């Protein structure tokens, strides 16, 4: 992107503990081959560097960048997949510490800016997990604590042990189940919201609609991208595309603009393997929607018409609706 037309991404606060990040983050999972073919290491590094030059400073990965100028976020909690294809989730103190130490070594950094519990271990009281995270903060190994896919009860109990700066949750035009209870709770407690999947796994960017899914993409098993569900959901894409034309933008830009404008405390982290998509995401910030237009965009995607569950069957039981933990005195 040429300097003359470069759009400055604003810096916003996440939570009340001092964390400041770019309003638009960069989710690096796409680079690992989850949604597309794996990206060669040098190509991935080029994309991350480009994102940095374009004023992104909130990364879910790091290497070869000025450490003091980026905010690094990473996670712990998912320890593998069991024989029943269910996620193995761990949150005991020993595991928390070992994961943090391993991440520091792999990333070759002295501290992690934002450390998330990726999924909640429902066999361990959240107070025990948070207690170890609090120690890591006191030791300077992490600066801020985040949760992902946590239930309201877990969020409140965790926040009582040490303030949570950010909650990472799926939030997009077709995944809005956090709006009724979790979003108000975050605002009550002063917790920033980091939407992952703001483009619906690339659906609003045209994946499986105007471009085919890569053969090895995990999305080929996603309920909303399967068979008749996909055919039904293509109607939703068509509606968004018509609205996008009205706003002189792409469907992906309209979908991302809708998420961006849900509040100053909302920092989505779309991922991509293409520099042209990075530029497109940045310019979603120029799509300004009135309250009426926000509602019109939302109404184009009636939740009751979205076909298929929002997540994979194998990890459904690890989502926020099932993420309560035992009382802290249960052990």
Foldseek 3Di string as FASTA:
>chain_A
DDPVPQDAFDWFFQFDQDDIFGLAAAELPVCCQQFARHDPPVLSVVLVVLLVVSHGAEYCADDDDDVVRHAHEYEAFFPQADPVRATDGDQALVRLVVVLVVVCVVRVHQAHAEYEHAFFDQAAALLRSLVSVVVCCVVVRYPAYEYEQAALVSQVVSCVNPNHREYEYADWLQDHVCPPPNVVSCVVRRGFYEHECHVLSCVLVPDLHPDDTHPSHNCQQAQCNDDPNVVLCSQLSVLLQVLCVVQVAGSSLCGLLLQSPPDSSYYYHYYDSDNVVSVSNSCSVVRDDDPVRSVVNSVSRPNVSRGHDSGHPSHPCRGHVNRHHDPNVPD
